[in-house]
């Protein structure tokens, strides 16, 4: 996931008229009538790489990183998920600085970006339509470790033309991990990260890596549970860990399932600590690593203080 090297040619100052002709071609592109090679399309944009491109991101994880490493003027739009505090991985209020879109082809093309950033789960038809219309598409996938998170930051920073800012963000992530690390020789604390509906993370996830780095052991992974498996309440009561992190979705979708996370039976587990964990700290990496590490360290410190009393 290393970053690319971009040419330093200035952005073309060609008039916007070709884009007006492009809008008339949208129905054809969406219907799959335009050849994949782009034959018949006007020459909309020079295909050389631009040193500091304008960007539309429809990937909420990329949104949070770009907000840290790109110039605000480069970010023409971010994903609508980032505008919702319940799902955003951006710091509170940060998303308000940017336009949020749902990522339709019409919305993206109207903004005339140099680059469109999508997630690995983006619809193939939409991504193909972007490419048919002459847009450069970059895919940013899900990361499964802190090491991959660093690489993702560096790649997006290089794409935006600001590799030094990427290194600065990586340095902040590493500093947060150093500050959150347990004392040398401390035994890992068995913990369950219990999400809406009883879902638990697998071992090959960023949150599992963060738990290890901050002094916790992924209790469910050690018992054979994989990513997005469901841990029944009965199983948790019969074989509890030392800590239960509850990541409730809150109001709206998932609220009913979250009632299980506050089931009265959990109060009977006298030797088990429960701690809230914001679910939007689970979705992405990048700057989210800093906030997640701090929260995990906060809970571990509270447990240590309680034991010492």
C-alpha atoms as a PDB file:
ATOM      1  CA  UNK A   1       0.000   0.000   0.000  1.00  0.00           C
ATOM      2  CA  UNK A   2       2.910   2.312  -0.599  1.00  0.00           C
ATOM      3  CA  UNK A   3       2.112   5.780  -1.889  1.00  0.00           C
ATOM      4  CA  UNK A   4       2.489   6.687  -5.527  1.00  0.00           C
ATOM      5  CA  UNK A   5       4.832   9.345  -6.910  1.00  0.00           C
ATOM      6  CA  UNK A   6       3.036  12.136  -8.684  1.00  0.00           C
ATOM      7  CA  UNK A   7       4.253  14.471 -11.388  1.00  0.00           C
ATOM      8  CA  UNK A   8       4.568  18.151 -10.557  1.00  0.00           C
ATOM      9  CA  UNK A   9       2.803  19.486 -13.644  1.00  0.00           C
ATOM     10  CA  UNK A  10       0.275  22.259 -12.930  1.00  0.00           C
ATOM     11  CA  UNK A  11      -3.424  21.451 -13.236  1.00  0.00           C
ATOM     12  CA  UNK A  12      -4.864  22.183 -16.669  1.00  0.00           C
ATOM     13  CA  UNK A  13      -6.791  25.456 -16.986  1.00  0.00           C
ATOM     14  CA  UNK A  14      -9.028  24.121 -19.783  1.00  0.00           C
ATOM     15  CA  UNK A  15     -12.558  25.569 -19.804  1.00  0.00           C
ATOM     16  CA  UNK A  16     -15.415  23.613 -18.217  1.00  0.00           C
ATOM     17  CA  UNK A  17     -17.346  23.216 -21.478  1.00  0.00           C
ATOM     18  CA  UNK A  18     -16.352  19.552 -21.932  1.00  0.00           C
ATOM     19  CA  UNK A  19     -17.956  18.776 -18.576  1.00  0.00           C
ATOM     20  CA  UNK A  20     -21.272  20.150 -19.802  1.00  0.00           C
ATOM     21  CA  UNK A  21     -21.067  17.778 -22.761  1.00  0.00           C
ATOM     22  CA  UNK A  22     -20.208  15.015 -20.281  1.00  0.00           C
ATOM     23  CA  UNK A  23     -23.495  15.383 -18.410  1.00  0.00           C
ATOM     24  CA  UNK A  24     -25.347  14.475 -21.549  1.00  0.00           C
ATOM     25  CA  UNK A  25     -23.426  11.209 -21.679  1.00  0.00           C
ATOM     26  CA  UNK A  26     -24.255  10.150 -18.123  1.00  0.00           C
ATOM     27  CA  UNK A  27     -27.369   8.123 -18.969  1.00  0.00           C
ATOM     28  CA  UNK A  28     -25.381   6.165 -21.556  1.00  0.00           C
ATOM     29  CA  UNK A  29     -22.529   5.491 -19.148  1.00  0.00           C
ATOM     30  CA  UNK A  30     -24.845   4.323 -16.391  1.00  0.00           C
ATOM     31  CA  UNK A  31     -26.655   2.027 -18.805  1.00  0.00           C
ATOM     32  CA  UNK A  32     -23.360   0.466 -19.831  1.00  0.00           C
ATOM     33  CA  UNK A  33     -23.655   1.737 -23.372  1.00  0.00           C
ATOM     34  CA  UNK A  34     -20.304   3.520 -23.405  1.00  0.00           C
ATOM     35  CA  UNK A  35     -17.398   1.177 -24.241  1.00  0.00           C
ATOM     36  CA  UNK A  36     -15.052   0.450 -21.338  1.00  0.00           C
ATOM     37  CA  UNK A  37     -12.198   1.953 -23.320  1.00  0.00           C
ATOM     38  CA  UNK A  38     -13.961   5.321 -23.267  1.00  0.00           C
ATOM     39  CA  UNK A  39     -14.144   5.442 -27.090  1.00  0.00           C
ATOM     40  CA  UNK A  40     -16.389   8.222 -28.288  1.00  0.00           C
ATOM     41  CA  UNK A  41     -16.001  10.333 -25.135  1.00  0.00           C
ATOM     42  CA  UNK A  42     -14.545  13.832 -25.431  1.00  0.00           C
ATOM     43  CA  UNK A  43     -11.065  14.318 -24.033  1.00  0.00           C
ATOM     44  CA  UNK A  44     -12.312  15.525 -20.657  1.00  0.00           C
ATOM     45  CA  UNK A  45      -9.159  15.715 -18.602  1.00  0.00           C
ATOM     46  CA  UNK A  46      -5.485  15.230 -19.227  1.00  0.00           C
ATOM     47  CA  UNK A  47      -4.546  11.816 -17.837  1.00  0.00           C
ATOM     48  CA  UNK A  48      -1.235  12.900 -16.281  1.00  0.00           C
ATOM     49  CA  UNK A  49      -1.018  12.622 -12.503  1.00  0.00           C
ATOM     50  CA  UNK A  50      -1.394  15.896 -10.631  1.00  0.00           C
ATOM     51  CA  UNK A  51       0.862  16.866  -7.749  1.00  0.00           C
ATOM     52  CA  UNK A  52      -1.947  18.065  -5.456  1.00  0.00           C
ATOM     53  CA  UNK A  53      -5.215  16.772  -6.948  1.00  0.00           C
ATOM     54  CA  UNK A  54      -8.730  17.732  -6.017  1.00  0.00           C
ATOM     55  CA  UNK A  55     -10.471  14.812  -4.361  1.00  0.00           C
ATOM     56  CA  UNK A  56     -13.948  13.437  -3.817  1.00  0.00           C
ATOM     57  CA  UNK A  57     -14.015  10.720  -1.170  1.00  0.00           C
ATOM     58  CA  UNK A  58     -16.984   8.397  -0.796  1.00  0.00           C
ATOM     59  CA  UNK A  59     -15.100   6.253   1.721  1.00  0.00           C
ATOM     60  CA  UNK A  60     -15.674   7.388   5.322  1.00  0.00           C
ATOM     61  CA  UNK A  61     -12.354   5.919   6.486  1.00  0.00           C
ATOM     62  CA  UNK A  62     -10.493   7.867   3.813  1.00  0.00           C
ATOM     63  CA  UNK A  63     -12.459  10.990   4.808  1.00  0.00           C
ATOM     64  CA  UNK A  64     -10.960  11.011   8.305  1.00  0.00           C
ATOM     65  CA  UNK A  65      -7.416  10.626   7.018  1.00  0.00           C
ATOM     66  CA  UNK A  66      -7.755  13.162   4.202  1.00  0.00           C
ATOM     67  CA  UNK A  67      -9.049  15.750   6.646  1.00  0.00           C
ATOM     68  CA  UNK A  68      -5.684  15.439   8.391  1.00  0.00           C
ATOM     69  CA  UNK A  69      -3.317  15.271   5.411  1.00  0.00           C
ATOM     70  CA  UNK A  70      -4.897  17.207   2.506  1.00  0.00           C
ATOM     71  CA  UNK A  71      -5.523  20.908   2.051  1.00  0.00           C
ATOM     72  CA  UNK A  72      -9.197  21.694   2.763  1.00  0.00           C
ATOM     73  CA  UNK A  73      -9.544  23.126  -0.738  1.00  0.00           C
ATOM     74  CA  UNK A  74      -8.462  19.796  -2.210  1.00  0.00           C
ATOM     75  CA  UNK A  75     -11.390  17.948  -0.601  1.00  0.00           C
ATOM     76  CA  UNK A  76     -14.399  18.697  -2.777  1.00  0.00           C
ATOM     77  CA  UNK A  77     -16.685  16.298  -0.901  1.00  0.00           C
ATOM     78  CA  UNK A  78     -16.727  13.510   1.678  1.00  0.00           C
ATOM     79  CA  UNK A  79     -19.058  10.585   2.327  1.00  0.00           C
ATOM     80  CA  UNK A  80     -22.446  11.273   3.890  1.00  0.00           C
ATOM     81  CA  UNK A  81     -21.536   8.690   6.557  1.00  0.00           C
ATOM     82  CA  UNK A  82     -18.938  11.096   7.891  1.00  0.00           C
ATOM     83  CA  UNK A  83     -21.592  13.783   8.345  1.00  0.00           C
ATOM     84  CA  UNK A  84     -23.543  11.515  10.737  1.00  0.00           C
ATOM     85  CA  UNK A  85     -22.035  11.588  14.263  1.00  0.00           C
ATOM     86  CA  UNK A  86     -23.249   8.029  14.855  1.00  0.00           C
ATOM     87  CA  UNK A  87     -21.125   6.631  12.046  1.00  0.00           C
ATOM     88  CA  UNK A  88     -18.435   9.249  11.515  1.00  0.00           C
ATOM     89  CA  UNK A  89     -14.813   8.421  12.287  1.00  0.00           C
ATOM     90  CA  UNK A  90     -13.928  12.102  12.153  1.00  0.00           C
ATOM     91  CA  UNK A  91     -13.496  14.270  15.226  1.00  0.00           C
ATOM     92  CA  UNK A  92     -16.713  15.986  16.389  1.00  0.00           C
ATOM     93  CA  UNK A  93     -17.539  18.973  14.184  1.00  0.00           C
ATOM     94  CA  UNK A  94     -14.741  18.291  11.708  1.00  0.00           C
ATOM     95  CA  UNK A  95     -17.025  16.918   8.994  1.00  0.00           C
ATOM     96  CA  UNK A  96     -18.984  20.170   8.961  1.00  0.00           C
ATOM     97  CA  UNK A  97     -16.092  21.820   7.102  1.00  0.00           C
ATOM     98  CA  UNK A  98     -16.792  19.738   4.002  1.00  0.00           C
ATOM     99  CA  UNK A  99     -19.611  19.029   1.603  1.00  0.00           C
ATOM    100  CA  UNK A 100     -21.117  15.560   2.128  1.00  0.00           C
ATOM    101  CA  UNK A 101     -22.532  13.471  -0.718  1.00  0.00           C
ATOM    102  CA  UNK A 102     -23.995   9.985  -1.173  1.00  0.00           C
ATOM    103  CA  UNK A 103     -21.558   9.179  -3.985  1.00  0.00           C
ATOM    104  CA  UNK A 104     -23.849   8.957  -6.994  1.00  0.00           C
ATOM    105  CA  UNK A 105     -22.144   9.349 -10.345  1.00  0.00           C
ATOM    106  CA  UNK A 106     -24.069  12.551 -11.029  1.00  0.00           C
ATOM    107  CA  UNK A 107     -22.922  14.130  -7.743  1.00  0.00           C
ATOM    108  CA  UNK A 108     -19.294  13.177  -8.253  1.00  0.00           C
ATOM    109  CA  UNK A 109     -19.024  14.240 -11.893  1.00  0.00           C
ATOM    110  CA  UNK A 110     -20.641  17.606 -11.131  1.00  0.00           C
ATOM    111  CA  UNK A 111     -17.737  18.387  -8.794  1.00  0.00           C
ATOM    112  CA  UNK A 112     -15.058  17.713 -11.483  1.00  0.00           C
ATOM    113  CA  UNK A 113     -12.525  15.995  -9.181  1.00  0.00           C
ATOM    114  CA  UNK A 114      -9.103  14.830 -10.243  1.00  0.00           C
ATOM    115  CA  UNK A 115      -9.467  11.704  -8.091  1.00  0.00           C
ATOM    116  CA  UNK A 116     -12.380   9.725  -6.641  1.00  0.00           C
ATOM    117  CA  UNK A 117     -11.634   7.577  -3.595  1.00  0.00           C
ATOM    118  CA  UNK A 118     -13.928   4.626  -2.992  1.00  0.00           C
ATOM    119  CA  UNK A 119     -14.006   1.738  -0.530  1.00  0.00           C
ATOM    120  CA  UNK A 120     -13.507  -1.918  -1.343  1.00  0.00           C
ATOM    121  CA  UNK A 121     -17.252  -2.454  -0.965  1.00  0.00           C
ATOM    122  CA  UNK A 122     -18.178   0.188  -3.532  1.00  0.00           C
ATOM    123  CA  UNK A 123     -20.579  -0.966  -6.212  1.00  0.00           C
ATOM    124  CA  UNK A 124     -18.783  -2.207  -9.295  1.00  0.00           C
ATOM    125  CA  UNK A 125     -21.219  -0.526 -11.678  1.00  0.00           C
ATOM    126  CA  UNK A 126     -20.712   2.868 -10.051  1.00  0.00           C
ATOM    127  CA  UNK A 127     -16.931   2.532 -10.017  1.00  0.00           C
ATOM    128  CA  UNK A 128     -16.943   1.438 -13.654  1.00  0.00           C
ATOM    129  CA  UNK A 129     -19.081   4.456 -14.531  1.00  0.00           C
ATOM    130  CA  UNK A 130     -16.572   6.797 -12.894  1.00  0.00           C
ATOM    131  CA  UNK A 131     -13.799   5.262 -14.976  1.00  0.00           C
ATOM    132  CA  UNK A 132     -15.792   5.352 -18.229  1.00  0.00           C
ATOM    133  CA  UNK A 133     -16.288   9.052 -17.681  1.00  0.00           C
ATOM    134  CA  UNK A 134     -12.569   9.658 -17.465  1.00  0.00           C
ATOM    135  CA  UNK A 135     -12.218   9.913 -13.693  1.00  0.00           C
ATOM    136  CA  UNK A 136      -9.266   8.436 -11.867  1.00  0.00           C
ATOM    137  CA  UNK A 137     -10.516   6.026  -9.186  1.00  0.00           C
ATOM    138  CA  UNK A 138      -8.487   4.930  -6.163  1.00  0.00           C
ATOM    139  CA  UNK A 139      -9.730   2.143  -3.896  1.00  0.00           C
ATOM    140  CA  UNK A 140      -8.948   2.186  -0.189  1.00  0.00           C
ATOM    141  CA  UNK A 141      -9.698  -1.137   1.473  1.00  0.00           C
ATOM    142  CA  UNK A 142     -10.263  -2.235   5.047  1.00  0.00           C
ATOM    143  CA  UNK A 143      -7.134  -2.497   7.165  1.00  0.00           C
ATOM    144  CA  UNK A 144      -6.612  -5.311   9.660  1.00  0.00           C
ATOM    145  CA  UNK A 145      -3.690  -4.096  11.773  1.00  0.00           C
ATOM    146  CA  UNK A 146      -1.989  -0.960  13.007  1.00  0.00           C
ATOM    147  CA  UNK A 147       0.823  -1.623  10.520  1.00  0.00           C
ATOM    148  CA  UNK A 148      -1.668  -1.583   7.648  1.00  0.00           C
ATOM    149  CA  UNK A 149      -3.199   1.572   9.118  1.00  0.00           C
ATOM    150  CA  UNK A 150       0.157   3.335   8.891  1.00  0.00           C
ATOM    151  CA  UNK A 151       0.519   2.254   5.261  1.00  0.00           C
ATOM    152  CA  UNK A 152      -2.974   3.519   4.468  1.00  0.00           C
ATOM    153  CA  UNK A 153      -2.189   6.947   5.929  1.00  0.00           C
ATOM    154  CA  UNK A 154       1.032   7.181   3.944  1.00  0.00           C
ATOM    155  CA  UNK A 155      -0.677   6.158   0.713  1.00  0.00           C
ATOM    156  CA  UNK A 156      -3.472   8.736   1.034  1.00  0.00           C
ATOM    157  CA  UNK A 157      -1.037  11.464   2.060  1.00  0.00           C
ATOM    158  CA  UNK A 158       1.114  10.718  -0.977  1.00  0.00           C
ATOM    159  CA  UNK A 159      -1.954  10.730  -3.216  1.00  0.00           C
ATOM    160  CA  UNK A 160      -2.937  14.150  -1.846  1.00  0.00           C
ATOM    161  CA  UNK A 161       0.590  15.408  -2.469  1.00  0.00           C
ATOM    162  CA  UNK A 162       1.485  15.854   1.211  1.00  0.00           C
ATOM    163  CA  UNK A 163       3.635  12.876   2.270  1.00  0.00           C
ATOM    164  CA  UNK A 164       5.176  14.795   5.190  1.00  0.00           C
ATOM    165  CA  UNK A 165       1.731  15.295   6.691  1.00  0.00           C
ATOM    166  CA  UNK A 166       1.205  11.568   6.442  1.00  0.00           C
ATOM    167  CA  UNK A 167       4.419  10.950   8.360  1.00  0.00           C
ATOM    168  CA  UNK A 168       3.313  13.489  10.970  1.00  0.00           C
ATOM    169  CA  UNK A 169      -0.005  11.666  11.444  1.00  0.00           C
ATOM    170  CA  UNK A 170       1.773   8.312  11.694  1.00  0.00           C
ATOM    171  CA  UNK A 171       4.079   9.823  14.322  1.00  0.00           C
ATOM    172  CA  UNK A 172       1.059  10.991  16.334  1.00  0.00           C
ATOM    173  CA  UNK A 173      -0.491   7.524  16.087  1.00  0.00           C
ATOM    174  CA  UNK A 174       2.734   5.918  17.297  1.00  0.00           C
ATOM    175  CA  UNK A 175       3.085   8.413  20.145  1.00  0.00           C
ATOM    176  CA  UNK A 176      -0.462   7.626  21.290  1.00  0.00           C
ATOM    177  CA  UNK A 177       0.337   3.911  21.254  1.00  0.00           C
ATOM    178  CA  UNK A 178       3.499   4.442  23.288  1.00  0.00           C
ATOM    179  CA  UNK A 179       1.536   6.479  25.843  1.00  0.00           C
ATOM    180  CA  UNK A 180      -1.184   3.802  25.975  1.00  0.00           C
ATOM    181  CA  UNK A 181       1.156   0.828  26.307  1.00  0.00           C
ATOM    182  CA  UNK A 182       0.961  -1.248  29.504  1.00  0.00           C
ATOM    183  CA  UNK A 183       3.839  -1.555  31.929  1.00  0.00           C
ATOM    184  CA  UNK A 184       6.563  -3.941  30.817  1.00  0.00           C
ATOM    185  CA  UNK A 185       5.748  -7.480  31.914  1.00  0.00           C
ATOM    186  CA  UNK A 186       2.105  -6.739  32.744  1.00  0.00           C
ATOM    187  CA  UNK A 187      -0.213  -9.659  32.039  1.00  0.00           C
ATOM    188  CA  UNK A 188      -2.802  -9.031  29.296  1.00  0.00           C
ATOM    189  CA  UNK A 189      -6.309  -8.401  30.656  1.00  0.00           C
ATOM    190  CA  UNK A 190      -8.942 -10.700  29.093  1.00  0.00           C
ATOM    191  CA  UNK A 191     -11.550  -8.487  27.439  1.00  0.00           C
ATOM    192  CA  UNK A 192     -14.547  -8.775  25.137  1.00  0.00           C
ATOM    193  CA  UNK A 193     -15.397  -6.033  22.650  1.00  0.00           C
ATOM    194  CA  UNK A 194     -19.177  -6.570  22.514  1.00  0.00           C
ATOM    195  CA  UNK A 195     -20.930  -4.693  19.731  1.00  0.00           C
ATOM    196  CA  UNK A 196     -24.565  -4.244  18.736  1.00  0.00           C
ATOM    197  CA  UNK A 197     -26.506  -7.492  18.676  1.00  0.00           C
ATOM    198  CA  UNK A 198     -23.679  -9.336  20.442  1.00  0.00           C
ATOM    199  CA  UNK A 199     -21.222  -9.080  17.552  1.00  0.00           C
ATOM    200  CA  UNK A 200     -17.511  -9.448  18.331  1.00  0.00           C
ATOM    201  CA  UNK A 201     -14.355  -8.625  16.346  1.00  0.00           C
ATOM    202  CA  UNK A 202     -12.033 -11.230  14.948  1.00  0.00           C
ATOM    203  CA  UNK A 203      -8.337 -11.314  15.709  1.00  0.00           C
ATOM    204  CA  UNK A 204      -7.281  -9.894  12.305  1.00  0.00           C
ATOM    205  CA  UNK A 205      -8.819  -6.471  12.965  1.00  0.00           C
ATOM    206  CA  UNK A 206      -7.433  -3.097  13.941  1.00  0.00           C
ATOM    207  CA  UNK A 207      -9.353  -3.056  17.215  1.00  0.00           C
ATOM    208  CA  UNK A 208      -7.965  -6.474  18.186  1.00  0.00           C
ATOM    209  CA  UNK A 209      -4.455  -5.212  17.415  1.00  0.00           C
ATOM    210  CA  UNK A 210      -5.098  -2.093  19.495  1.00  0.00           C
ATOM    211  CA  UNK A 211      -6.362  -4.208  22.382  1.00  0.00           C
ATOM    212  CA  UNK A 212      -3.134  -6.208  22.333  1.00  0.00           C
ATOM    213  CA  UNK A 213      -0.970  -3.098  22.149  1.00  0.00           C
ATOM    214  CA  UNK A 214      -2.766  -1.474  25.096  1.00  0.00           C
ATOM    215  CA  UNK A 215      -2.655  -4.474  27.419  1.00  0.00           C
ATOM    216  CA  UNK A 216      -5.797  -6.473  26.655  1.00  0.00           C
ATOM    217  CA  UNK A 217      -6.344  -9.970  25.249  1.00  0.00           C
ATOM    218  CA  UNK A 218      -9.139 -10.606  22.743  1.00  0.00           C
ATOM    219  CA  UNK A 219     -11.146 -13.066  24.823  1.00  0.00           C
ATOM    220  CA  UNK A 220     -13.531 -14.158  22.077  1.00  0.00           C
ATOM    221  CA  UNK A 221     -10.828 -14.708  19.445  1.00  0.00           C
ATOM    222  CA  UNK A 222      -9.045 -16.999  21.903  1.00  0.00           C
ATOM    223  CA  UNK A 223     -12.249 -19.033  22.029  1.00  0.00           C
ATOM    224  CA  UNK A 224     -12.571 -19.403  18.285  1.00  0.00           C
ATOM    225  CA  UNK A 225     -14.880 -16.503  17.474  1.00  0.00           C
ATOM    226  CA  UNK A 226     -14.146 -14.803  14.155  1.00  0.00           C
ATOM    227  CA  UNK A 227     -14.914 -11.334  12.811  1.00  0.00           C
ATOM    228  CA  UNK A 228     -18.632 -10.421  13.112  1.00  0.00           C
ATOM    229  CA  UNK A 229     -19.536 -13.647  14.948  1.00  0.00           C
ATOM    230  CA  UNK A 230     -22.279 -13.320  17.559  1.00  0.00           C
ATOM    231  CA  UNK A 231     -21.536 -13.958  21.209  1.00  0.00           C
ATOM    232  CA  UNK A 232     -24.760 -14.970  22.995  1.00  0.00           C
ATOM    233  CA  UNK A 233     -25.513 -13.424  26.367  1.00  0.00           C
ATOM    234  CA  UNK A 234     -25.769 -16.889  27.917  1.00  0.00           C
ATOM    235  CA  UNK A 235     -22.274 -17.813  26.747  1.00  0.00           C
ATOM    236  CA  UNK A 236     -20.863 -14.562  28.105  1.00  0.00           C
ATOM    237  CA  UNK A 237     -22.491 -15.126  31.501  1.00  0.00           C
ATOM    238  CA  UNK A 238     -21.206 -18.689  31.678  1.00  0.00           C
ATOM    239  CA  UNK A 239     -17.635 -17.784  30.739  1.00  0.00           C
ATOM    240  CA  UNK A 240     -17.044 -14.093  31.467  1.00  0.00           C
ATOM    241  CA  UNK A 241     -13.830 -12.134  30.806  1.00  0.00           C
ATOM    242  CA  UNK A 242     -12.279  -9.553  33.137  1.00  0.00           C
ATOM    243  CA  UNK A 243     -13.633  -6.638  31.082  1.00  0.00           C
ATOM    244  CA  UNK A 244     -16.627  -6.204  28.786  1.00  0.00           C
ATOM    245  CA  UNK A 245     -16.400  -3.244  26.413  1.00  0.00           C
ATOM    246  CA  UNK A 246     -19.909  -2.424  25.184  1.00  0.00           C
ATOM    247  CA  UNK A 247     -20.065  -0.626  21.843  1.00  0.00           C
ATOM    248  CA  UNK A 248     -23.751   0.279  21.523  1.00  0.00           C
ATOM    249  CA  UNK A 249     -25.136   1.830  18.345  1.00  0.00           C
ATOM    250  CA  UNK A 250     -27.526   4.025  20.344  1.00  0.00           C
ATOM    251  CA  UNK A 251     -30.704   5.418  18.865  1.00  0.00           C
ATOM    252  CA  UNK A 252     -32.003   4.232  15.525  1.00  0.00           C
ATOM    253  CA  UNK A 253     -30.952   1.034  13.823  1.00  0.00           C
ATOM    254  CA  UNK A 254     -29.624  -1.509  16.275  1.00  0.00           C
ATOM    255  CA  UNK A 255     -31.111   0.144  19.367  1.00  0.00           C
ATOM    256  CA  UNK A 256     -33.250  -2.894  20.261  1.00  0.00           C
ATOM    257  CA  UNK A 257     -30.315  -5.266  19.896  1.00  0.00           C
ATOM    258  CA  UNK A 258     -28.214  -2.999  22.101  1.00  0.00           C
ATOM    259  CA  UNK A 259     -30.501  -3.628  25.062  1.00  0.00           C
ATOM    260  CA  UNK A 260     -28.660  -6.924  25.468  1.00  0.00           C
ATOM    261  CA  UNK A 261     -25.474  -4.981  26.202  1.00  0.00           C
ATOM    262  CA  UNK A 262     -27.152  -3.557  29.327  1.00  0.00           C
ATOM    263  CA  UNK A 263     -28.958  -6.727  30.391  1.00  0.00           C
ATOM    264  CA  UNK A 264     -29.572  -6.825  34.182  1.00  0.00           C
ATOM    265  CA  UNK A 265     -27.867 -10.227  34.392  1.00  0.00           C
ATOM    266  CA  UNK A 266     -24.538  -8.563  33.616  1.00  0.00           C
ATOM    267  CA  UNK A 267     -24.732  -6.707  36.924  1.00  0.00           C
ATOM    268  CA  UNK A 268     -24.374 -10.050  38.711  1.00  0.00           C
ATOM    269  CA  UNK A 269     -20.859 -10.491  37.365  1.00  0.00           C
ATOM    270  CA  UNK A 270     -19.152  -8.892  40.352  1.00  0.00           C
ATOM    271  CA  UNK A 271     -15.621  -9.576  39.166  1.00  0.00           C
ATOM    272  CA  UNK A 272     -16.261  -8.238  35.654  1.00  0.00           C
ATOM    273  CA  UNK A 273     -15.812  -4.575  34.761  1.00  0.00           C
ATOM    274  CA  UNK A 274     -17.954  -2.981  32.074  1.00  0.00           C
ATOM    275  CA  UNK A 275     -16.870   0.031  30.035  1.00  0.00           C
ATOM    276  CA  UNK A 276     -18.477   1.975  27.221  1.00  0.00           C
ATOM    277  CA  UNK A 277     -16.609   2.123  23.935  1.00  0.00           C
ATOM    278  CA  UNK A 278     -17.784   4.464  21.190  1.00  0.00           C
ATOM    279  CA  UNK A 279     -18.724   2.295  18.184  1.00  0.00           C
ATOM    280  CA  UNK A 280     -17.340   4.816  15.718  1.00  0.00           C
ATOM    281  CA  UNK A 281     -13.880   4.014  17.111  1.00  0.00           C
ATOM    282  CA  UNK A 282     -14.245   0.549  15.588  1.00  0.00           C
ATOM    283  CA  UNK A 283     -14.923   1.471  11.971  1.00  0.00           C
ATOM    284  CA  UNK A 284     -11.649   2.897  10.689  1.00  0.00           C
ATOM    285  CA  UNK A 285      -7.978   3.444  11.403  1.00  0.00           C
ATOM    286  CA  UNK A 286      -5.882   6.578  10.784  1.00  0.00           C
ATOM    287  CA  UNK A 287      -6.588   9.278  13.395  1.00  0.00           C
ATOM    288  CA  UNK A 288      -9.177   6.954  14.974  1.00  0.00           C
ATOM    289  CA  UNK A 289      -6.261   4.876  16.279  1.00  0.00           C
ATOM    290  CA  UNK A 290      -5.273   7.774  18.540  1.00  0.00           C
ATOM    291  CA  UNK A 291      -8.690   8.135  20.179  1.00  0.00           C
ATOM    292  CA  UNK A 292      -9.220   4.371  20.476  1.00  0.00           C
ATOM    293  CA  UNK A 293      -5.824   3.826  22.108  1.00  0.00           C
ATOM    294  CA  UNK A 294      -6.491   6.578  24.628  1.00  0.00           C
ATOM    295  CA  UNK A 295      -9.868   5.090  25.580  1.00  0.00           C
ATOM    296  CA  UNK A 296      -8.435   1.601  25.998  1.00  0.00           C
ATOM    297  CA  UNK A 297      -5.592   2.932  28.148  1.00  0.00           C
ATOM    298  CA  UNK A 298      -8.070   4.923  30.225  1.00  0.00           C
ATOM    299  CA  UNK A 299     -10.048   1.781  31.047  1.00  0.00           C
ATOM    300  CA  UNK A 300      -6.916  -0.239  31.813  1.00  0.00           C
ATOM    301  CA  UNK A 301      -5.668   2.487  34.153  1.00  0.00           C
ATOM    302  CA  UNK A 302      -9.011   2.595  35.965  1.00  0.00           C
ATOM    303  CA  UNK A 303      -8.861  -1.167  36.471  1.00  0.00           C
ATOM    304  CA  UNK A 304      -5.332  -0.949  37.828  1.00  0.00           C
ATOM    305  CA  UNK A 305      -6.336   1.812  40.240  1.00  0.00           C
ATOM    306  CA  UNK A 306      -9.293  -0.213  41.464  1.00  0.00           C
ATOM    307  CA  UNK A 307      -7.125  -3.272  42.081  1.00  0.00           C
ATOM    308  CA  UNK A 308      -4.634  -1.143  43.956  1.00  0.00           C
ATOM    309  CA  UNK A 309      -7.232   0.286  46.337  1.00  0.00           C
END
